[in-house]
């Protein structure tokens, strides 16, 4: 019954999975091309910088996402993704590597990344108008399970495809899967009531800059969400510190080869998948969501601190704690997404989501710079403790905010 009732949601999920797979194939193929042809870490770093830079300025795509027809935007963006993949294949087949070709490929990679930054918030915006509020947590959890499983297996599968075929064939496969995503998106039906919600004139002025300002103003006026986002910015800064220190920590304390880092990532991925499954079981009202987010921060922080605490005594226990920490973190992120979806009109959700992404994305690169210095000065162990305590302080902040709101009533 649930499956038939939400058939359009499963179509959206199918399109999202196909887009994610095609994105991974395209990204890894371009990454591998520059790694093999330039033999320069600087070119690989440039790809990472382009991706991070687009995430930071993604707030600029918000008015576009909110203004256009959802189905047309998904279709147009996916068609362009397909064409970009085919153009890259053509370039790789007929041209020899040189500076001009490298610049052209970087421009096409940038365009593809921009389109991905449009497609994903568009899907996020569409979900609340296809799903009843009581089932939003279930479906956000389902989407998270799909993402986490894909993240776990895609890099390995893509590397295998590149190794056994070629970079060009990998991008051809990417184009085919983008075409599949386009076919699935075309099957989604948005009813009249949903269209009215998406096109609520209250949130549109006809001017790009004014519409952009409406997004910032709407977020600012929703004090409860703003109070939750601000500490997330701080946590993301400390996540950048933790993330840059993780490979060094793994090599020093887990295993002195890539196995140590891979083991930590695998444990975290497994915890995330379990967390995405578990969160679907909860039925939370808006008030309980805020308390649940605080509890998740507490759980994430406690188990994150336990990783460096126990690693000298038992590596397997450290890996277990890393997995449990990620379990709590995934549940927290999923519930936060639902809280945002239920706190704003679908008509402005594209702007809200991209603004959030821009703010949060900005903090991670800043944290990585600080993390590099911390690793060199104090060692990798300190980066793990710093992040864990940042999570604990955030939990205390959230609990204090929820208690303050109770006293105000």
Protein backbone atom coordinates (compact mmCIF):
# COMPACT_ATOMS: atom_id res chain seq x y z
CA UNK A 1 0.00 0.00 0.00
CA UNK A 2 2.77 2.42 1.01
CA UNK A 3 4.70 1.59 -2.14
CA UNK A 4 1.74 2.28 -4.45
CA UNK A 5 0.77 5.43 -2.58
CA UNK A 6 4.27 6.86 -2.88
CA UNK A 7 5.14 5.55 -6.32
CA UNK A 8 6.37 9.02 -7.39
CA UNK A 9 8.75 9.11 -4.43
CA UNK A 10 10.29 5.81 -5.47
CA UNK A 11 10.67 7.20 -8.99
CA UNK A 12 12.45 10.23 -7.49
CA UNK A 13 14.69 7.87 -5.49
CA UNK A 14 15.44 5.86 -8.63
CA UNK A 15 16.39 9.02 -10.51
CA UNK A 16 18.51 10.17 -7.58
CA UNK A 17 20.39 6.87 -7.45
CA UNK A 18 21.01 6.93 -11.21
CA UNK A 19 22.23 10.55 -11.04
CA UNK A 20 24.53 9.70 -8.11
CA UNK A 21 26.04 6.72 -9.97
CA UNK A 22 26.54 8.74 -13.18
CA UNK A 23 28.09 11.62 -11.21
CA UNK A 24 30.55 9.24 -9.54
CA UNK A 25 31.56 7.65 -12.83
CA UNK A 26 32.10 11.04 -14.46
CA UNK A 27 33.98 12.50 -11.49
CA UNK A 28 36.30 9.53 -10.99
CA UNK A 29 37.04 9.31 -14.72
CA UNK A 30 38.01 13.01 -14.90
CA UNK A 31 40.05 12.65 -11.70
CA UNK A 32 41.84 9.62 -13.12
CA UNK A 33 42.48 11.41 -16.44
CA UNK A 34 44.32 14.28 -14.73
CA UNK A 35 46.14 11.89 -12.42
CA UNK A 36 47.41 9.84 -15.38
CA UNK A 37 48.15 12.62 -17.88
CA UNK A 38 49.44 15.50 -15.78
CA UNK A 39 51.17 13.43 -13.06
CA UNK A 40 50.69 16.54 -10.93
CA UNK A 41 48.97 16.57 -7.52
CA UNK A 42 48.20 20.25 -8.22
CA UNK A 43 45.70 19.33 -10.96
CA UNK A 44 43.96 16.84 -8.69
CA UNK A 45 43.87 19.48 -5.93
CA UNK A 46 42.36 21.91 -8.44
CA UNK A 47 39.47 19.51 -9.05
CA UNK A 48 38.81 19.35 -5.30
CA UNK A 49 39.00 23.17 -5.12
CA UNK A 50 36.49 23.59 -7.96
CA UNK A 51 34.06 21.21 -6.27
CA UNK A 52 34.44 22.93 -2.87
CA UNK A 53 34.17 26.39 -4.44
CA UNK A 54 30.91 25.53 -6.21
CA UNK A 55 29.48 24.16 -2.95
CA UNK A 56 30.32 27.45 -1.22
CA UNK A 57 28.56 29.61 -3.85
CA UNK A 58 25.63 27.22 -4.33
CA UNK A 59 23.33 29.68 -2.53
CA UNK A 60 23.28 31.54 -5.84
CA UNK A 61 21.39 28.66 -7.46
CA UNK A 62 18.52 28.85 -4.95
CA UNK A 63 16.27 31.36 -6.79
CA UNK A 64 16.71 29.36 -10.00
CA UNK A 65 15.68 26.12 -8.26
CA UNK A 66 12.61 27.75 -6.72
CA UNK A 67 11.51 29.66 -9.82
CA UNK A 68 11.54 26.96 -12.48
CA UNK A 69 9.25 23.97 -12.94
CA UNK A 70 10.74 21.12 -10.91
CA UNK A 71 10.28 18.51 -13.64
CA UNK A 72 11.66 20.79 -16.35
CA UNK A 73 14.65 21.73 -14.19
CA UNK A 74 15.46 18.07 -13.45
CA UNK A 75 15.05 17.16 -17.13
CA UNK A 76 17.05 20.11 -18.49
CA UNK A 77 19.90 19.64 -15.99
CA UNK A 78 20.11 15.90 -16.67
CA UNK A 79 20.09 16.40 -20.45
CA UNK A 80 22.99 18.83 -20.08
CA UNK A 81 24.84 16.33 -17.87
CA UNK A 82 24.42 13.69 -20.58
CA UNK A 83 25.64 16.05 -23.31
CA UNK A 84 28.67 17.11 -21.23
CA UNK A 85 29.65 13.44 -20.79
CA UNK A 86 29.40 12.84 -24.55
CA UNK A 87 31.40 15.99 -25.35
CA UNK A 88 34.16 14.88 -22.94
CA UNK A 89 34.29 11.46 -24.62
CA UNK A 90 34.60 13.15 -28.03
CA UNK A 91 37.44 15.38 -26.77
CA UNK A 92 39.32 12.44 -25.27
CA UNK A 93 38.98 10.47 -28.51
CA UNK A 94 40.05 13.17 -31.01
CA UNK A 95 42.42 15.46 -29.10
CA UNK A 96 45.80 15.03 -27.46
CA UNK A 97 46.39 16.27 -23.94
CA UNK A 98 47.60 19.87 -23.79
CA UNK A 99 46.88 23.01 -21.77
CA UNK A 100 43.90 24.00 -23.94
CA UNK A 101 42.30 20.56 -23.62
CA UNK A 102 42.95 20.51 -19.87
CA UNK A 103 41.28 23.92 -19.43
CA UNK A 104 38.30 22.81 -21.55
CA UNK A 105 37.89 19.63 -19.50
CA UNK A 106 38.06 21.62 -16.26
CA UNK A 107 35.33 23.95 -17.58
CA UNK A 108 33.13 20.99 -18.50
CA UNK A 109 33.81 19.41 -15.10
CA UNK A 110 32.80 22.71 -13.45
CA UNK A 111 29.59 22.87 -15.49
CA UNK A 112 28.74 19.27 -14.55
CA UNK A 113 29.38 20.02 -10.85
CA UNK A 114 27.13 23.10 -11.02
CA UNK A 115 24.34 21.02 -12.56
CA UNK A 116 24.71 18.46 -9.76
CA UNK A 117 24.47 21.32 -7.25
CA UNK A 118 21.14 22.20 -8.86
CA UNK A 119 19.74 18.67 -9.21
CA UNK A 120 20.25 17.53 -5.60
CA UNK A 121 18.49 20.49 -3.86
CA UNK A 122 15.71 20.22 -6.46
CA UNK A 123 15.07 16.63 -5.38
CA UNK A 124 15.28 17.67 -1.71
CA UNK A 125 12.68 20.40 -2.38
CA UNK A 126 10.34 18.02 -4.20
CA UNK A 127 10.24 15.33 -1.50
CA UNK A 128 8.04 17.21 1.04
CA UNK A 129 5.30 17.85 -1.57
CA UNK A 130 5.21 14.17 -2.57
CA UNK A 131 5.19 12.78 0.99
CA UNK A 132 2.91 13.33 3.98
CA UNK A 133 4.66 15.00 6.90
CA UNK A 134 4.36 11.89 9.09
CA UNK A 135 6.30 9.83 6.53
CA UNK A 136 9.04 12.37 5.79
CA UNK A 137 11.49 10.92 8.29
CA UNK A 138 11.02 7.43 6.86
CA UNK A 139 11.73 8.55 3.29
CA UNK A 140 14.63 10.83 4.19
CA UNK A 141 16.12 7.85 6.01
CA UNK A 142 15.51 5.66 2.97
CA UNK A 143 17.26 8.19 0.73
CA UNK A 144 20.15 8.34 3.22
CA UNK A 145 20.51 4.53 3.19
CA UNK A 146 20.76 4.63 -0.60
CA UNK A 147 23.39 7.41 -0.53
CA UNK A 148 25.50 5.72 2.14
CA UNK A 149 25.50 2.33 0.43
CA UNK A 150 26.36 3.96 -2.91
CA UNK A 151 29.17 5.97 -1.30
CA UNK A 152 30.53 2.76 0.20
CA UNK A 153 30.72 0.82 -3.07
CA UNK A 154 30.89 3.34 -5.91
CA UNK A 155 34.52 4.44 -5.66
CA UNK A 156 35.73 0.86 -5.73
CA UNK A 157 33.41 -0.14 -8.57
CA UNK A 158 34.30 2.94 -10.62
CA UNK A 159 38.02 2.34 -10.17
CA UNK A 160 37.49 -1.26 -11.33
CA UNK A 161 35.56 -0.09 -14.41
CA UNK A 162 38.31 2.40 -15.33
CA UNK A 163 41.00 -0.25 -14.83
CA UNK A 164 39.24 -2.93 -16.91
CA UNK A 165 37.92 -0.70 -19.72
CA UNK A 166 39.09 2.89 -20.18
CA UNK A 167 38.42 6.44 -19.03
CA UNK A 168 36.38 7.11 -22.21
CA UNK A 169 34.20 4.01 -21.72
CA UNK A 170 33.59 5.00 -18.10
CA UNK A 171 32.30 8.40 -19.23
CA UNK A 172 30.15 6.75 -21.94
CA UNK A 173 28.62 4.62 -19.18
CA UNK A 174 28.07 7.83 -17.20
CA UNK A 175 26.16 9.35 -20.14
CA UNK A 176 23.99 6.22 -20.46
CA UNK A 177 23.09 6.30 -16.76
CA UNK A 178 22.31 10.03 -16.93
CA UNK A 179 19.94 9.11 -19.77
CA UNK A 180 18.33 6.51 -17.51
CA UNK A 181 17.90 9.14 -14.79
CA UNK A 182 16.22 11.44 -17.34
CA UNK A 183 13.78 8.65 -18.26
CA UNK A 184 12.88 8.08 -14.59
CA UNK A 185 12.46 11.80 -13.84
CA UNK A 186 10.08 12.11 -16.80
CA UNK A 187 7.80 9.53 -15.15
CA UNK A 188 7.33 11.60 -11.95
CA UNK A 189 3.88 13.16 -11.68
CA UNK A 190 3.39 16.37 -9.65
CA UNK A 191 -0.27 17.05 -8.88
CA UNK A 192 -1.96 20.47 -9.01
CA UNK A 193 -1.91 20.98 -5.22
CA UNK A 194 1.84 20.29 -5.11
CA UNK A 195 2.41 22.72 -7.97
CA UNK A 196 0.49 25.41 -6.06
CA UNK A 197 2.70 24.84 -3.00
CA UNK A 198 5.86 25.04 -5.11
CA UNK A 199 4.76 28.25 -6.83
CA UNK A 200 3.43 30.21 -3.83
CA UNK A 201 3.67 33.84 -5.05
CA UNK A 202 4.43 35.10 -1.53
CA UNK A 203 8.05 34.01 -2.00
CA UNK A 204 8.65 35.43 -5.49
CA UNK A 205 9.22 38.99 -6.72
CA UNK A 206 10.26 38.48 -10.34
CA UNK A 207 13.78 39.70 -9.57
CA UNK A 208 16.68 37.30 -9.04
CA UNK A 209 18.38 39.44 -6.39
CA UNK A 210 15.13 40.11 -4.52
CA UNK A 211 14.25 36.42 -4.59
CA UNK A 212 17.72 35.63 -3.25
CA UNK A 213 17.17 38.14 -0.45
CA UNK A 214 13.78 36.54 0.33
CA UNK A 215 15.60 33.25 0.98
CA UNK A 216 18.04 34.87 3.44
CA UNK A 217 15.24 36.83 5.12
CA UNK A 218 13.00 33.77 5.47
CA UNK A 219 15.82 31.78 7.06
CA UNK A 220 16.69 34.66 9.38
CA UNK A 221 13.07 34.98 10.54
CA UNK A 222 12.87 31.27 11.43
CA UNK A 223 14.83 31.69 14.68
CA UNK A 224 14.57 28.03 15.72
CA UNK A 225 16.31 26.79 12.57
CA UNK A 226 18.87 29.58 12.63
CA UNK A 227 19.84 28.66 16.20
CA UNK A 228 20.45 25.10 15.01
CA UNK A 229 22.44 26.04 11.90
CA UNK A 230 24.96 28.32 13.63
CA UNK A 231 26.53 25.62 15.83
CA UNK A 232 26.57 23.29 12.82
CA UNK A 233 28.87 25.82 11.15
CA UNK A 234 31.22 25.63 14.12
CA UNK A 235 31.07 21.81 14.12
CA UNK A 236 31.86 21.73 10.39
CA UNK A 237 34.97 23.81 11.05
CA UNK A 238 36.13 21.23 13.59
CA UNK A 239 35.11 18.43 11.22
CA UNK A 240 37.62 19.89 8.75
CA UNK A 241 40.30 19.63 11.46
CA UNK A 242 39.27 16.05 12.25
CA UNK A 243 39.09 15.03 8.58
CA UNK A 244 42.57 16.25 7.68
CA UNK A 245 44.02 14.49 10.71
CA UNK A 246 42.19 11.18 10.19
CA UNK A 247 44.63 9.54 7.68
CA UNK A 248 47.59 10.42 9.93
CA UNK A 249 45.76 9.14 13.01
CA UNK A 250 44.85 5.90 11.22
CA UNK A 251 48.43 5.33 10.03
CA UNK A 252 49.87 5.99 13.49
CA UNK A 253 47.39 4.07 15.63
CA UNK A 254 45.31 1.67 13.49
CA UNK A 255 47.69 0.30 10.83
CA UNK A 256 50.78 1.76 9.20
CA UNK A 257 49.36 1.34 5.69
CA UNK A 258 46.22 2.36 3.80
CA UNK A 259 44.43 -0.49 5.59
CA UNK A 260 44.19 1.62 8.75
CA UNK A 261 42.52 4.56 7.03
CA UNK A 262 40.31 2.26 4.96
CA UNK A 263 39.25 0.40 8.10
CA UNK A 264 38.16 3.59 9.83
CA UNK A 265 36.23 4.71 6.74
CA UNK A 266 34.55 1.31 6.42
CA UNK A 267 33.55 1.30 10.10
CA UNK A 268 32.11 4.81 9.78
CA UNK A 269 30.24 3.90 6.58
CA UNK A 270 28.76 0.79 8.20
CA UNK A 271 27.62 2.88 11.19
CA UNK A 272 26.08 5.47 8.87
CA UNK A 273 24.09 2.84 6.98
CA UNK A 274 22.75 1.34 10.23
CA UNK A 275 21.88 4.85 11.45
CA UNK A 276 19.98 5.59 8.24
CA UNK A 277 18.00 2.37 8.70
CA UNK A 278 17.28 3.06 12.38
CA UNK A 279 16.09 6.65 11.97
CA UNK A 280 13.26 5.46 9.70
CA UNK A 281 11.72 3.76 12.73
CA UNK A 282 11.17 6.99 14.66
CA UNK A 283 7.99 9.04 14.67
CA UNK A 284 9.01 12.52 15.80
CA UNK A 285 7.04 15.74 16.01
CA UNK A 286 8.78 19.05 15.36
CA UNK A 287 9.51 19.71 19.06
CA UNK A 288 10.91 16.22 19.63
CA UNK A 289 13.15 16.60 16.59
CA UNK A 290 15.14 19.39 18.26
CA UNK A 291 15.68 17.31 21.42
CA UNK A 292 16.56 14.28 19.30
CA UNK A 293 19.17 16.32 17.40
CA UNK A 294 20.74 17.34 20.72
CA UNK A 295 20.79 13.68 21.86
CA UNK A 296 22.40 12.65 18.57
CA UNK A 297 25.11 15.29 18.99
CA UNK A 298 25.79 13.91 22.47
CA UNK A 299 26.01 10.32 21.19
CA UNK A 300 28.22 11.32 18.25
CA UNK A 301 30.55 13.29 20.53
CA UNK A 302 30.89 10.64 23.25
CA UNK A 303 31.74 7.84 20.85
CA UNK A 304 34.02 10.07 18.77
CA UNK A 305 36.10 10.87 21.88
CA UNK A 306 36.19 7.17 22.77
CA UNK A 307 38.01 6.39 19.49
CA UNK A 308 41.34 8.02 20.47
CA UNK A 309 40.81 7.08 24.12
CA UNK A 310 40.71 3.32 23.50
CA UNK A 311 42.78 2.96 20.32
CA UNK A 312 46.03 2.28 22.23
CA UNK A 313 44.39 -0.62 24.08
CA UNK A 314 42.09 -2.18 21.48
CA UNK A 315 41.96 -1.24 17.79
CA UNK A 316 38.72 -3.15 17.17
CA UNK A 317 36.97 -1.29 19.98
CA UNK A 318 38.16 1.99 18.43
CA UNK A 319 36.67 0.95 15.06
CA UNK A 320 33.42 0.01 16.81
CA UNK A 321 33.23 3.43 18.48
CA UNK A 322 33.91 5.14 15.13
CA UNK A 323 30.98 3.24 13.63
CA UNK A 324 28.61 4.08 16.51
CA UNK A 325 29.62 7.75 16.34
CA UNK A 326 28.74 7.83 12.63
CA UNK A 327 25.46 6.05 13.40
CA UNK A 328 24.41 8.91 15.69
CA UNK A 329 25.72 11.50 13.23
CA UNK A 330 23.69 10.14 10.32
CA UNK A 331 20.51 10.07 12.41
CA UNK A 332 21.18 13.67 13.44
CA UNK A 333 21.70 14.86 9.84
CA UNK A 334 18.56 13.06 8.63
CA UNK A 335 16.35 14.50 11.36
CA UNK A 336 17.80 17.97 10.75
CA UNK A 337 16.89 17.71 7.07
CA UNK A 338 13.30 16.78 7.96
CA UNK A 339 13.14 19.64 10.47
CA UNK A 340 14.14 22.10 7.73
CA UNK A 341 11.70 20.58 5.24
CA UNK A 342 8.79 20.90 7.69
CA UNK A 343 9.72 24.41 8.86
CA UNK A 344 9.57 26.19 5.49
CA UNK A 345 7.25 26.42 2.52
CA UNK A 346 8.28 24.20 -0.41
CA UNK A 347 8.25 27.39 -2.54
CA UNK A 348 11.37 28.73 -0.76
CA UNK A 349 13.03 25.42 0.17
CA UNK A 350 15.50 25.52 -2.73
CA UNK A 351 16.91 28.79 -1.46
CA UNK A 352 16.97 27.64 2.16
CA UNK A 353 18.76 24.38 1.34
CA UNK A 354 21.40 26.00 -0.88
CA UNK A 355 22.04 28.76 1.68
CA UNK A 356 22.55 26.11 4.37
CA UNK A 357 24.88 24.15 2.10
CA UNK A 358 26.93 27.26 1.29
CA UNK A 359 27.34 28.26 4.93
CA UNK A 360 28.26 24.75 6.05
CA UNK A 361 30.55 24.09 3.07
CA UNK A 362 32.53 27.25 3.73
CA UNK A 363 33.62 26.08 7.16
CA UNK A 364 35.20 22.75 6.16
CA UNK A 365 38.07 24.18 4.01
CA UNK A 366 38.84 26.65 6.79
CA UNK A 367 39.00 23.75 9.23
CA UNK A 368 41.34 21.75 6.99
CA UNK A 369 43.86 24.62 6.96
CA UNK A 370 43.71 24.79 10.76
CA UNK A 371 43.90 20.98 10.93
CA UNK A 372 47.12 20.89 8.90
CA UNK A 373 48.76 23.17 11.43
CA UNK A 374 47.40 21.18 14.39
CA UNK A 375 48.70 17.87 12.96
CA UNK A 376 52.18 19.33 12.51
CA UNK A 377 52.23 21.08 15.89
CA UNK A 378 50.33 18.78 18.27
CA UNK A 379 49.98 15.51 16.36
CA UNK A 380 47.06 13.66 14.76
CA UNK A 381 45.58 12.43 18.06
CA UNK A 382 44.66 16.00 19.03
CA UNK A 383 42.55 16.49 15.87
CA UNK A 384 40.30 13.61 16.94
CA UNK A 385 39.83 14.97 20.47
CA UNK A 386 39.16 18.50 19.22
CA UNK A 387 36.29 17.32 17.00
CA UNK A 388 34.82 15.10 19.71
CA UNK A 389 34.74 17.91 22.27
CA UNK A 390 33.26 20.30 19.68
CA UNK A 391 30.41 17.81 19.25
CA UNK A 392 29.90 17.58 23.02
CA UNK A 393 29.79 21.37 23.43
CA UNK A 394 27.29 21.54 20.56
CA UNK A 395 25.11 18.98 22.35
CA UNK A 396 25.18 21.13 25.51
CA UNK A 397 24.24 24.16 23.41
CA UNK A 398 21.28 22.35 21.83
CA UNK A 399 20.04 21.04 25.17
CA UNK A 400 20.25 24.56 26.65
CA UNK A 401 18.31 26.01 23.69
CA UNK A 402 15.53 23.44 23.99
CA UNK A 403 15.30 23.91 27.77
CA UNK A 404 15.21 27.71 27.35
CA UNK A 405 12.31 27.40 24.89
CA UNK A 406 10.42 25.24 27.41
CA UNK A 407 10.87 27.87 30.16
CA UNK A 408 9.64 30.61 27.83
CA UNK A 409 6.27 28.85 27.40
